[in-house]
N, C-alpha and C. Protein backbone atom coordinates (compact mmCIF):
# COMPACT_ATOMS: atom_id res chain seq x y z
N MET A 1 95.16 39.71 102.06
CA MET A 1 94.58 38.75 101.11
C MET A 1 93.47 37.84 101.81
N LEU A 2 93.69 37.59 103.11
CA LEU A 2 92.83 36.66 103.84
C LEU A 2 91.32 37.30 103.81
N TRP A 3 91.18 38.62 103.94
CA TRP A 3 89.85 39.20 103.88
C TRP A 3 89.20 39.13 102.47
N VAL A 4 90.04 39.10 101.50
CA VAL A 4 89.48 38.87 100.12
C VAL A 4 88.99 37.38 100.04
N VAL A 5 89.64 36.51 100.53
CA VAL A 5 89.12 35.09 100.38
C VAL A 5 87.95 34.82 101.12
N VAL A 6 87.82 35.50 102.36
CA VAL A 6 86.63 35.41 103.12
C VAL A 6 85.37 36.09 102.47
N LEU A 7 85.75 37.27 101.93
CA LEU A 7 84.61 37.89 101.18
C LEU A 7 84.12 37.12 100.07
N VAL A 8 85.00 36.64 99.28
CA VAL A 8 84.56 35.72 98.08
C VAL A 8 83.76 34.61 98.61
N GLY A 9 84.24 34.00 99.62
CA GLY A 9 83.51 32.82 100.27
C GLY A 9 82.16 33.15 100.57
N LEU A 10 82.03 34.33 101.38
CA LEU A 10 80.66 34.69 101.84
C LEU A 10 79.71 34.98 100.61
N VAL A 11 80.34 35.65 99.47
CA VAL A 11 79.53 35.86 98.39
C VAL A 11 78.98 34.68 97.70
N GLY A 12 79.93 33.64 97.55
CA GLY A 12 79.61 32.37 97.06
C GLY A 12 78.51 31.66 97.80
N LEU A 13 78.63 31.82 99.29
CA LEU A 13 77.55 31.09 100.02
C LEU A 13 76.22 31.64 99.98
N VAL A 14 76.11 33.08 99.81
CA VAL A 14 74.87 33.71 99.61
C VAL A 14 74.28 33.42 98.29
N ALA A 15 75.10 33.31 97.25
CA ALA A 15 74.62 33.01 95.90
C ALA A 15 74.13 31.44 95.85
N TRP A 16 74.89 30.55 96.61
CA TRP A 16 74.37 29.25 96.73
C TRP A 16 73.03 29.05 97.37
N ARG A 17 72.91 29.73 98.41
CA ARG A 17 71.62 29.74 99.28
C ARG A 17 70.44 30.24 98.41
N ALA A 18 70.69 31.33 97.80
CA ALA A 18 69.58 31.85 96.84
C ALA A 18 69.24 30.84 95.80
N SER A 19 70.15 30.24 95.16
CA SER A 19 69.93 29.33 94.09
C SER A 19 69.24 28.07 94.69
N ALA A 20 69.64 27.59 95.94
CA ALA A 20 69.07 26.40 96.48
C ALA A 20 67.53 26.67 96.81
N TRP A 21 67.26 27.83 97.41
CA TRP A 21 65.74 28.11 97.62
C TRP A 21 65.04 28.46 96.44
N ASN A 22 65.63 29.05 95.44
CA ASN A 22 65.04 29.31 94.11
C ASN A 22 63.77 30.16 94.38
N VAL A 23 63.69 31.13 95.20
CA VAL A 23 62.53 31.97 95.50
C VAL A 23 62.37 33.00 94.30
N PRO A 24 61.18 33.01 93.58
CA PRO A 24 61.04 33.89 92.53
C PRO A 24 61.29 35.42 93.02
N SER A 25 62.06 36.04 92.10
CA SER A 25 62.32 37.40 92.52
C SER A 25 61.19 38.37 92.43
N THR A 26 60.14 37.95 91.69
CA THR A 26 58.87 38.87 91.53
C THR A 26 57.78 38.61 92.50
N LEU A 27 57.95 37.82 93.60
CA LEU A 27 57.01 37.55 94.58
C LEU A 27 56.42 38.82 94.91
N GLY A 28 55.12 39.11 94.71
CA GLY A 28 54.46 40.26 95.14
C GLY A 28 54.65 41.36 93.97
N GLY A 29 55.22 40.96 92.82
CA GLY A 29 55.42 42.02 91.90
C GLY A 29 54.25 41.84 90.79
N GLU A 30 54.41 42.60 89.81
CA GLU A 30 53.37 42.69 88.71
C GLU A 30 53.35 41.51 87.85
N SER A 31 54.40 40.91 87.54
CA SER A 31 54.43 39.85 86.59
C SER A 31 55.42 38.74 86.95
N GLY A 32 55.51 37.64 86.14
CA GLY A 32 56.52 36.65 86.44
C GLY A 32 57.76 36.81 85.80
N ALA A 33 57.94 37.94 85.17
CA ALA A 33 59.19 38.17 84.30
C ALA A 33 60.39 37.91 85.23
N GLY A 34 61.25 37.00 84.98
CA GLY A 34 62.49 36.71 85.77
C GLY A 34 62.19 35.74 86.85
N ALA A 35 60.94 35.38 87.09
CA ALA A 35 60.61 34.47 88.12
C ALA A 35 61.10 32.98 87.65
N THR A 36 61.18 32.12 88.64
CA THR A 36 61.46 30.66 88.35
C THR A 36 60.68 29.74 89.10
N PRO A 37 60.29 28.62 88.54
CA PRO A 37 59.39 27.65 89.11
C PRO A 37 59.96 27.14 90.52
N TYR A 38 59.20 26.78 91.38
CA TYR A 38 59.65 26.34 92.69
C TYR A 38 60.47 25.12 92.64
N SER A 39 61.63 25.10 93.36
CA SER A 39 62.48 23.86 93.23
C SER A 39 62.71 23.29 94.69
N GLY A 40 61.92 23.54 95.58
CA GLY A 40 62.03 23.05 96.99
C GLY A 40 61.48 21.65 97.04
N THR A 41 60.95 21.15 98.30
CA THR A 41 60.62 19.85 98.43
C THR A 41 59.18 19.78 97.64
N THR A 42 59.19 18.74 96.81
CA THR A 42 58.11 18.51 95.95
C THR A 42 57.47 17.11 96.24
N GLY A 43 56.26 16.81 95.80
CA GLY A 43 55.73 15.42 95.88
C GLY A 43 54.24 15.57 96.17
N LEU A 44 53.73 14.30 96.35
CA LEU A 44 52.28 14.18 96.64
C LEU A 44 52.08 13.86 98.08
N THR A 45 50.89 14.50 98.58
CA THR A 45 50.45 14.28 99.98
C THR A 45 48.97 13.99 99.85
N ILE A 46 48.49 12.86 100.43
CA ILE A 46 47.07 12.43 100.53
C ILE A 46 46.62 12.51 101.91
N TYR A 47 45.54 13.16 102.16
CA TYR A 47 45.01 13.23 103.44
C TYR A 47 43.84 12.33 103.75
N PRO A 48 43.93 11.54 104.81
CA PRO A 48 42.74 10.80 105.25
C PRO A 48 41.53 11.58 105.40
N PRO A 49 40.23 11.18 105.24
CA PRO A 49 39.08 12.01 105.35
C PRO A 49 39.01 12.64 106.69
N ASP A 50 39.38 12.02 107.83
CA ASP A 50 39.22 12.63 109.14
C ASP A 50 40.50 13.52 109.54
N GLU A 51 41.36 13.73 108.65
CA GLU A 51 42.56 14.65 108.94
C GLU A 51 42.60 15.86 107.96
N ARG A 52 41.55 16.08 107.14
CA ARG A 52 41.51 17.10 106.19
C ARG A 52 41.19 18.41 106.78
N ILE A 53 41.84 19.50 106.23
CA ILE A 53 41.55 20.82 106.65
C ILE A 53 40.77 21.59 105.58
N GLU A 54 39.94 22.52 106.03
CA GLU A 54 39.09 23.28 105.12
C GLU A 54 39.91 24.14 104.17
N ALA A 55 39.54 24.08 102.91
CA ALA A 55 40.30 24.97 101.90
C ALA A 55 39.81 26.37 102.14
N PRO A 56 40.68 27.48 101.94
CA PRO A 56 40.18 28.77 102.13
C PRO A 56 39.26 29.25 101.05
N ASP A 57 38.38 30.11 101.48
CA ASP A 57 37.28 30.57 100.51
C ASP A 57 37.89 31.56 99.52
N LEU A 58 38.61 30.99 98.43
CA LEU A 58 39.28 31.82 97.45
C LEU A 58 38.17 32.59 96.70
N GLN A 59 38.58 33.99 96.44
CA GLN A 59 37.71 34.79 95.66
C GLN A 59 38.71 35.62 94.80
N GLY A 60 38.07 36.12 93.69
CA GLY A 60 38.85 36.88 92.81
C GLY A 60 38.14 37.13 91.46
N VAL A 61 38.87 37.69 90.49
CA VAL A 61 38.36 37.88 89.20
C VAL A 61 39.07 37.02 88.12
N THR A 62 38.38 36.33 87.24
CA THR A 62 39.08 35.41 86.42
C THR A 62 39.76 36.24 85.37
N LEU A 63 40.64 35.54 84.51
CA LEU A 63 41.27 36.09 83.32
C LEU A 63 40.27 36.71 82.34
N ASP A 64 38.96 36.18 82.42
CA ASP A 64 37.98 36.68 81.43
C ASP A 64 37.11 37.82 82.08
N GLY A 65 37.51 38.36 83.33
CA GLY A 65 36.89 39.38 83.88
C GLY A 65 35.56 38.89 84.69
N GLU A 66 35.38 37.59 85.03
CA GLU A 66 34.32 37.17 85.73
C GLU A 66 34.64 37.05 87.22
N LEU A 67 33.61 37.31 88.01
CA LEU A 67 33.86 37.23 89.47
C LEU A 67 33.81 35.72 89.82
N PHE A 68 34.71 35.31 90.79
CA PHE A 68 34.74 33.84 91.16
C PHE A 68 34.86 33.79 92.65
N ALA A 69 34.09 32.75 93.20
CA ALA A 69 34.41 32.49 94.55
C ALA A 69 34.21 30.91 94.72
N LEU A 70 35.17 30.33 95.39
CA LEU A 70 35.25 28.89 95.59
C LEU A 70 33.90 28.31 96.14
N THR A 71 33.30 29.09 96.94
CA THR A 71 31.94 28.65 97.59
C THR A 71 30.95 28.27 96.45
N ASP A 72 31.09 28.96 95.29
CA ASP A 72 30.20 28.67 94.28
C ASP A 72 30.17 27.24 93.78
N LEU A 73 31.28 26.58 94.14
CA LEU A 73 31.47 25.14 93.67
C LEU A 73 31.23 24.18 94.83
N ALA A 74 30.65 24.66 95.90
CA ALA A 74 30.44 23.64 97.05
C ALA A 74 29.65 22.56 96.72
N GLY A 75 29.98 21.38 97.26
CA GLY A 75 29.34 20.12 96.89
C GLY A 75 29.93 19.43 95.67
N ARG A 76 30.96 19.92 95.16
CA ARG A 76 31.68 19.38 93.93
C ARG A 76 33.10 19.07 94.38
N VAL A 77 33.70 18.08 93.66
CA VAL A 77 35.18 17.89 93.82
C VAL A 77 35.83 18.96 92.91
N VAL A 78 36.75 19.63 93.47
CA VAL A 78 37.38 20.75 92.73
C VAL A 78 39.02 20.52 92.60
N VAL A 79 39.41 20.79 91.56
CA VAL A 79 40.93 20.83 91.39
C VAL A 79 41.40 22.30 91.19
N LEU A 80 42.33 22.68 92.14
CA LEU A 80 42.92 24.01 92.10
C LEU A 80 44.38 23.82 91.58
N ASN A 81 44.69 24.55 90.59
CA ASN A 81 46.00 24.45 89.99
C ASN A 81 46.71 25.75 89.94
N VAL A 82 47.74 25.97 90.72
CA VAL A 82 48.62 27.18 90.74
C VAL A 82 49.62 27.16 89.46
N TRP A 83 49.50 28.22 88.72
CA TRP A 83 50.32 28.13 87.46
C TRP A 83 50.71 29.58 87.00
N GLY A 84 51.58 29.69 86.07
CA GLY A 84 51.90 30.97 85.42
C GLY A 84 52.36 30.70 84.18
N SER A 85 52.14 31.54 83.12
CA SER A 85 52.69 31.25 81.62
C SER A 85 54.15 31.25 81.59
N TRP A 86 54.81 31.94 82.66
CA TRP A 86 56.26 32.02 82.62
C TRP A 86 56.97 30.78 83.19
N CYS A 87 56.14 29.71 83.69
CA CYS A 87 56.64 28.64 84.50
C CYS A 87 56.60 27.44 83.56
N SER A 88 57.83 26.88 83.16
CA SER A 88 57.89 25.73 82.29
C SER A 88 57.25 24.51 82.67
N PRO A 89 57.29 24.11 83.96
CA PRO A 89 56.54 22.97 84.38
C PRO A 89 55.10 23.08 84.30
N CYS A 90 54.58 24.34 84.47
CA CYS A 90 53.24 24.68 84.28
C CYS A 90 52.78 24.61 82.85
N ARG A 91 53.63 24.93 81.91
CA ARG A 91 53.28 24.74 80.62
C ARG A 91 53.32 23.31 80.17
N ALA A 92 54.19 22.56 80.76
CA ALA A 92 54.23 21.03 80.47
C ALA A 92 53.08 20.31 80.82
N GLU A 93 52.54 20.74 82.16
CA GLU A 93 51.41 19.82 82.63
C GLU A 93 49.97 20.32 82.18
N ALA A 94 50.04 21.59 81.64
CA ALA A 94 48.64 22.17 81.15
C ALA A 94 47.80 21.34 80.30
N PRO A 95 48.38 20.75 79.22
CA PRO A 95 47.62 19.91 78.32
C PRO A 95 46.92 18.65 79.16
N ASP A 96 47.63 18.09 80.13
CA ASP A 96 47.06 16.96 80.83
C ASP A 96 45.94 17.41 81.71
N LEU A 97 46.09 18.61 82.34
CA LEU A 97 45.06 19.20 83.17
C LEU A 97 43.86 19.49 82.35
N ALA A 98 43.99 20.11 81.19
CA ALA A 98 42.97 20.46 80.29
C ALA A 98 42.11 19.12 79.78
N LYS A 99 42.94 18.12 79.50
CA LYS A 99 42.26 16.78 79.17
C LYS A 99 41.54 16.31 80.19
N LEU A 100 41.98 16.29 81.45
CA LEU A 100 41.37 15.77 82.68
C LEU A 100 40.12 16.49 82.92
N ALA A 101 40.23 17.80 82.78
CA ALA A 101 39.08 18.68 82.97
C ALA A 101 37.83 18.34 82.10
N ARG A 102 38.16 17.93 80.87
CA ARG A 102 37.10 17.62 79.83
C ARG A 102 36.53 16.22 80.28
N GLU A 103 37.44 15.27 80.66
CA GLU A 103 37.09 13.98 80.93
C GLU A 103 36.13 13.76 82.12
N THR A 104 36.43 14.64 83.05
CA THR A 104 35.62 14.46 84.34
C THR A 104 34.59 15.54 84.55
N ALA A 105 34.42 16.33 83.60
CA ALA A 105 33.40 17.40 83.79
C ALA A 105 32.01 16.81 84.10
N ASP A 106 31.62 15.79 83.26
CA ASP A 106 30.25 15.17 83.34
C ASP A 106 30.10 14.35 84.67
N ARG A 107 31.23 14.15 85.40
CA ARG A 107 31.08 13.56 86.78
C ARG A 107 31.11 14.55 87.83
N GLY A 108 31.04 15.88 87.42
CA GLY A 108 30.77 16.92 88.46
C GLY A 108 32.10 17.55 88.95
N VAL A 109 33.32 17.10 88.44
CA VAL A 109 34.55 17.63 88.88
C VAL A 109 34.69 19.08 88.12
N ARG A 110 35.19 19.95 88.91
CA ARG A 110 35.49 21.25 88.29
C ARG A 110 36.98 21.68 88.53
N PHE A 111 37.54 22.34 87.52
CA PHE A 111 38.94 22.75 87.57
C PHE A 111 38.96 24.25 87.72
N VAL A 112 39.95 24.76 88.49
CA VAL A 112 40.11 26.18 88.56
C VAL A 112 41.65 26.45 88.66
N GLY A 113 42.10 27.51 87.78
CA GLY A 113 43.42 27.91 87.92
C GLY A 113 43.65 29.05 88.82
N ILE A 114 44.81 29.20 89.30
CA ILE A 114 45.24 30.34 89.92
C ILE A 114 46.51 30.82 89.19
N ASP A 115 46.26 31.84 88.33
CA ASP A 115 47.41 32.33 87.49
C ASP A 115 48.10 33.50 88.23
N THR A 116 49.25 33.08 88.80
CA THR A 116 49.89 33.92 89.66
C THR A 116 51.18 34.68 89.04
N ARG A 117 51.36 35.91 89.47
CA ARG A 117 52.56 36.67 89.07
C ARG A 117 52.84 36.65 87.64
N ASP A 118 51.65 36.95 86.94
CA ASP A 118 51.63 36.85 85.46
C ASP A 118 51.11 38.13 84.93
N THR A 119 51.19 38.28 83.67
CA THR A 119 50.41 39.33 82.98
C THR A 119 49.16 38.73 82.31
N THR A 120 48.19 39.52 82.27
CA THR A 120 46.82 39.13 81.82
C THR A 120 47.12 38.61 80.19
N ALA A 121 47.81 39.52 79.41
CA ALA A 121 47.90 39.13 78.06
C ALA A 121 48.64 37.79 77.82
N ALA A 122 49.67 37.60 78.62
CA ALA A 122 50.46 36.37 78.35
C ALA A 122 49.66 35.14 78.83
N ALA A 123 48.95 35.29 79.96
CA ALA A 123 48.12 34.16 80.45
C ALA A 123 46.97 33.85 79.49
N GLN A 124 46.33 34.89 79.05
CA GLN A 124 45.29 34.58 78.10
C GLN A 124 45.69 33.95 76.79
N ALA A 125 46.81 34.45 76.29
CA ALA A 125 47.46 33.80 75.01
C ALA A 125 47.67 32.30 75.28
N PHE A 126 48.21 32.02 76.51
CA PHE A 126 48.58 30.64 76.75
C PHE A 126 47.29 29.78 76.95
N VAL A 127 46.24 30.38 77.48
CA VAL A 127 44.94 29.57 77.64
C VAL A 127 44.38 29.29 76.24
N ARG A 128 44.47 30.22 75.34
CA ARG A 128 43.90 30.13 74.00
C ARG A 128 44.75 28.98 73.28
N ALA A 129 46.09 29.02 73.45
CA ALA A 129 47.00 28.17 72.64
C ALA A 129 46.74 26.69 73.10
N VAL A 130 46.56 26.48 74.45
CA VAL A 130 46.43 25.12 75.02
C VAL A 130 44.93 24.74 74.99
N LYS A 131 44.15 25.63 74.71
CA LYS A 131 42.59 25.29 74.83
C LYS A 131 42.18 24.88 76.14
N ILE A 132 42.65 25.61 77.19
CA ILE A 132 42.24 25.23 78.66
C ILE A 132 40.80 25.59 78.82
N PRO A 133 39.97 24.58 79.23
CA PRO A 133 38.52 24.89 79.23
C PRO A 133 37.85 25.34 80.42
N TYR A 134 38.73 25.64 81.46
CA TYR A 134 38.27 26.00 82.81
C TYR A 134 38.85 27.49 83.13
N PRO A 135 38.17 28.11 84.08
CA PRO A 135 38.51 29.60 84.41
C PRO A 135 39.80 29.50 85.28
N SER A 136 40.62 30.70 85.30
CA SER A 136 41.73 31.00 86.17
C SER A 136 41.52 32.29 86.86
N ILE A 137 41.71 32.28 88.14
CA ILE A 137 41.74 33.59 88.86
C ILE A 137 42.95 34.29 88.57
N ALA A 138 42.83 35.67 88.11
CA ALA A 138 44.06 36.38 87.86
C ALA A 138 44.63 36.70 89.27
N ASP A 139 45.95 36.47 89.46
CA ASP A 139 46.66 36.78 90.76
C ASP A 139 47.97 37.42 90.43
N PRO A 140 47.91 38.71 89.82
CA PRO A 140 49.16 39.23 89.45
C PRO A 140 50.22 39.56 90.64
N ASP A 141 49.69 39.83 91.74
CA ASP A 141 50.57 40.23 92.80
C ASP A 141 50.77 39.07 93.87
N GLY A 142 50.21 37.93 93.61
CA GLY A 142 50.39 36.72 94.47
C GLY A 142 49.57 36.81 95.69
N GLN A 143 48.60 37.63 95.83
CA GLN A 143 47.70 37.71 97.03
C GLN A 143 46.79 36.51 97.12
N VAL A 144 46.23 36.01 96.10
CA VAL A 144 45.43 34.87 96.18
C VAL A 144 46.15 33.65 96.64
N LEU A 145 47.45 33.51 96.05
CA LEU A 145 48.18 32.44 96.48
C LEU A 145 48.54 32.45 97.92
N LEU A 146 48.69 33.58 98.47
CA LEU A 146 49.03 33.84 99.82
C LEU A 146 47.86 33.05 100.83
N GLU A 147 46.57 33.08 100.22
CA GLU A 147 45.55 32.40 100.93
C GLU A 147 45.82 30.92 101.18
N LEU A 148 46.71 30.23 100.42
CA LEU A 148 46.93 28.92 100.53
C LEU A 148 48.28 28.61 101.40
N ALA A 149 48.72 29.70 102.03
CA ALA A 149 49.93 29.55 102.90
C ALA A 149 49.51 28.58 104.04
N GLY A 150 50.51 27.61 104.38
CA GLY A 150 50.17 26.61 105.40
C GLY A 150 49.66 25.37 104.76
N ILE A 151 49.21 25.45 103.52
CA ILE A 151 48.74 24.33 102.78
C ILE A 151 49.87 23.86 101.73
N ILE A 152 50.35 24.96 100.95
CA ILE A 152 51.41 24.77 100.24
C ILE A 152 52.34 25.76 100.24
N PRO A 153 53.72 25.74 99.90
CA PRO A 153 54.64 26.91 99.92
C PRO A 153 54.12 27.96 99.03
N VAL A 154 54.27 29.14 99.46
CA VAL A 154 53.72 30.28 98.69
C VAL A 154 54.54 30.45 97.41
N THR A 155 55.71 29.94 97.34
CA THR A 155 56.51 29.91 96.25
C THR A 155 56.42 28.81 95.28
N ALA A 156 55.46 27.85 95.64
CA ALA A 156 55.28 26.68 94.92
C ALA A 156 54.51 26.69 93.68
N VAL A 157 55.22 26.99 92.54
CA VAL A 157 54.52 27.03 91.26
C VAL A 157 55.32 26.04 90.25
N PRO A 158 54.54 25.07 89.80
CA PRO A 158 53.03 24.83 89.98
C PRO A 158 52.81 24.07 91.33
N SER A 159 51.54 24.06 91.63
CA SER A 159 50.98 23.22 92.70
C SER A 159 49.53 22.81 92.46
N THR A 160 49.11 21.72 92.84
CA THR A 160 47.74 21.38 92.58
C THR A 160 47.11 20.82 93.81
N LEU A 161 45.86 21.15 94.03
CA LEU A 161 45.11 20.70 95.19
C LEU A 161 43.82 20.01 94.72
N VAL A 162 43.40 18.94 95.33
CA VAL A 162 42.13 18.32 95.13
C VAL A 162 41.28 18.69 96.32
N VAL A 163 40.16 19.24 96.20
CA VAL A 163 39.24 19.68 97.26
C VAL A 163 38.01 18.79 97.09
N ASP A 164 37.63 18.17 98.27
CA ASP A 164 36.52 17.22 98.19
C ASP A 164 35.30 18.01 98.24
N ARG A 165 34.14 17.19 98.26
CA ARG A 165 32.86 17.77 98.15
C ARG A 165 32.41 18.61 99.44
N GLN A 166 33.16 18.48 100.48
CA GLN A 166 32.93 19.16 101.64
C GLN A 166 33.74 20.33 101.86
N GLY A 167 34.55 20.64 100.86
CA GLY A 167 35.34 21.87 100.82
C GLY A 167 36.71 21.76 101.59
N ASN A 168 37.15 20.42 101.77
CA ASN A 168 38.42 20.19 102.46
C ASN A 168 39.45 19.63 101.46
N VAL A 169 40.76 19.92 101.79
CA VAL A 169 41.72 19.51 100.98
C VAL A 169 42.03 17.97 101.12
N ALA A 170 41.75 17.20 99.99
CA ALA A 170 42.06 15.90 100.03
C ALA A 170 43.25 15.32 99.66
N ALA A 171 43.99 16.16 98.84
CA ALA A 171 45.49 15.84 98.34
C ALA A 171 46.02 17.01 97.69
N LYS A 172 47.45 16.98 97.79
CA LYS A 172 48.06 18.10 97.10
C LYS A 172 49.33 17.50 96.45
N VAL A 173 49.68 18.20 95.26
CA VAL A 173 50.83 17.86 94.49
C VAL A 173 51.70 19.18 94.45
N VAL A 174 52.89 19.23 95.07
CA VAL A 174 53.73 20.37 94.96
C VAL A 174 54.78 19.96 93.84
N GLY A 175 54.79 20.87 92.80
CA GLY A 175 55.49 20.62 91.62
C GLY A 175 54.66 20.17 90.53
N GLN A 176 55.17 19.73 89.38
CA GLN A 176 54.52 19.31 88.25
C GLN A 176 53.75 18.03 88.47
N VAL A 177 52.45 17.99 88.20
CA VAL A 177 51.61 16.85 88.39
C VAL A 177 51.42 16.05 87.00
N SER A 178 51.45 14.72 87.10
CA SER A 178 51.25 13.94 85.80
C SER A 178 49.82 13.69 85.71
N TYR A 179 49.45 13.29 84.43
CA TYR A 179 48.08 12.86 84.16
C TYR A 179 47.64 11.71 84.98
N ALA A 180 48.47 10.65 85.07
CA ALA A 180 48.20 9.49 85.84
C ALA A 180 47.98 9.82 87.28
N THR A 181 48.84 10.56 87.90
CA THR A 181 48.66 10.85 89.32
C THR A 181 47.41 11.62 89.64
N LEU A 182 47.05 12.67 88.81
CA LEU A 182 45.83 13.42 89.16
C LEU A 182 44.68 12.55 88.79
N ARG A 183 44.70 11.89 87.66
CA ARG A 183 43.54 10.85 87.43
C ARG A 183 43.28 9.99 88.44
N GLY A 184 44.45 9.47 89.11
CA GLY A 184 44.16 8.45 90.19
C GLY A 184 43.49 9.13 91.44
N LEU A 185 44.08 10.39 91.65
CA LEU A 185 43.45 10.95 92.88
C LEU A 185 42.04 11.38 92.72
N LEU A 186 41.61 11.76 91.49
CA LEU A 186 40.21 12.11 91.24
C LEU A 186 39.38 10.83 91.22
N GLU A 187 39.89 9.73 90.72
CA GLU A 187 39.05 8.50 90.74
C GLU A 187 38.82 8.01 92.22
N ASP A 188 39.94 8.16 93.01
CA ASP A 188 39.74 7.76 94.33
C ASP A 188 38.70 8.44 95.09
N GLU A 189 38.86 9.84 94.98
CA GLU A 189 37.86 10.69 95.66
C GLU A 189 36.47 10.55 95.08
N LEU A 190 36.30 10.35 93.73
CA LEU A 190 34.87 10.17 93.27
C LEU A 190 34.36 8.83 93.64
N ALA A 191 35.26 7.78 93.68
CA ALA A 191 34.70 6.48 94.22
C ALA A 191 34.33 6.65 95.70
N ARG A 192 34.85 7.45 96.44
CA ARG A 192 34.60 7.55 97.91
C ARG A 192 33.31 8.23 98.09
N THR A 193 32.89 9.11 97.19
CA THR A 193 31.81 9.98 97.34
C THR A 193 30.62 10.02 96.42
N GLU A 194 30.89 9.54 95.17
CA GLU A 194 29.97 9.87 94.14
C GLU A 194 28.67 8.96 94.29
N ASP A 195 28.74 7.87 95.05
CA ASP A 195 27.57 6.96 95.23
C ASP A 195 26.75 7.49 96.48
N ALA A 196 27.34 8.32 97.27
CA ALA A 196 26.65 8.92 98.39
C ALA A 196 25.99 10.29 98.01
N PRO A 197 24.96 10.73 98.65
CA PRO A 197 24.34 12.01 98.30
C PRO A 197 25.23 13.19 98.44
N SER A 198 25.36 13.95 97.47
CA SER A 198 26.23 15.13 97.53
C SER A 198 25.81 16.12 98.55
N LYS A 199 26.81 16.43 99.46
CA LYS A 199 26.48 17.44 100.51
C LYS A 199 27.16 18.67 100.37
N ALA A 200 26.58 19.78 100.24
CA ALA A 200 27.29 21.03 100.20
C ALA A 200 27.76 21.49 101.48
N THR A 201 28.78 22.20 101.50
CA THR A 201 29.38 22.67 102.86
C THR A 201 28.56 23.72 103.36
N SER A 202 28.77 24.13 104.65
CA SER A 202 28.04 25.18 105.32
C SER A 202 28.32 26.50 104.68
N ARG A 203 29.43 26.57 103.92
CA ARG A 203 29.71 27.88 103.31
C ARG A 203 29.00 28.30 102.08
N GLY A 204 28.05 27.38 101.61
CA GLY A 204 27.32 27.74 100.42
C GLY A 204 26.81 26.45 99.76
N SER A 205 26.11 26.65 98.71
CA SER A 205 25.52 25.51 98.08
C SER A 205 25.69 25.61 96.55
N SER A 206 25.76 24.49 95.64
CA SER A 206 26.04 24.62 94.28
C SER A 206 24.69 24.96 93.44
């Protein structure tokens, strides 16, 4: 009987650890079916200008079939949002992101989504339903998201990065971002730079 008790205990421990880490079962798979949003350490991190690291040169094909490279937006403040139509916090924050994208477009801010571990049909349907005005890189196998390893957890869906005009990460939010938080981050970054001449990074120009 003792070995039965030990075995049951070990099974319970494994199940508890899997639940605690909440790693999506489809990481590297074809879609987000059965995946769950990230539930590890969440929150906001703001980086002082002299401590910022360069954002990776993300490249890919958008949900609309267009080629995209982050260097095309050099010299602009960019919001990168990791999402999936299967992710409930992503669906909850999407209207606020769409609203902010419209509100800040005339100030030069550009939003880009990274639609990870999703199907194109599901993602496109969600984009149409919410009227998201900005492009999203299609990332069905999670390879684009891996480019952000070391900046955000690769299982962190949703996550949002603010990239400054020099192509460096100014702030990140792991987990669902609110309208007020992201609006504040953008206002702070724009106030820091929009009165100064816009400088493109050495990786390209706008």
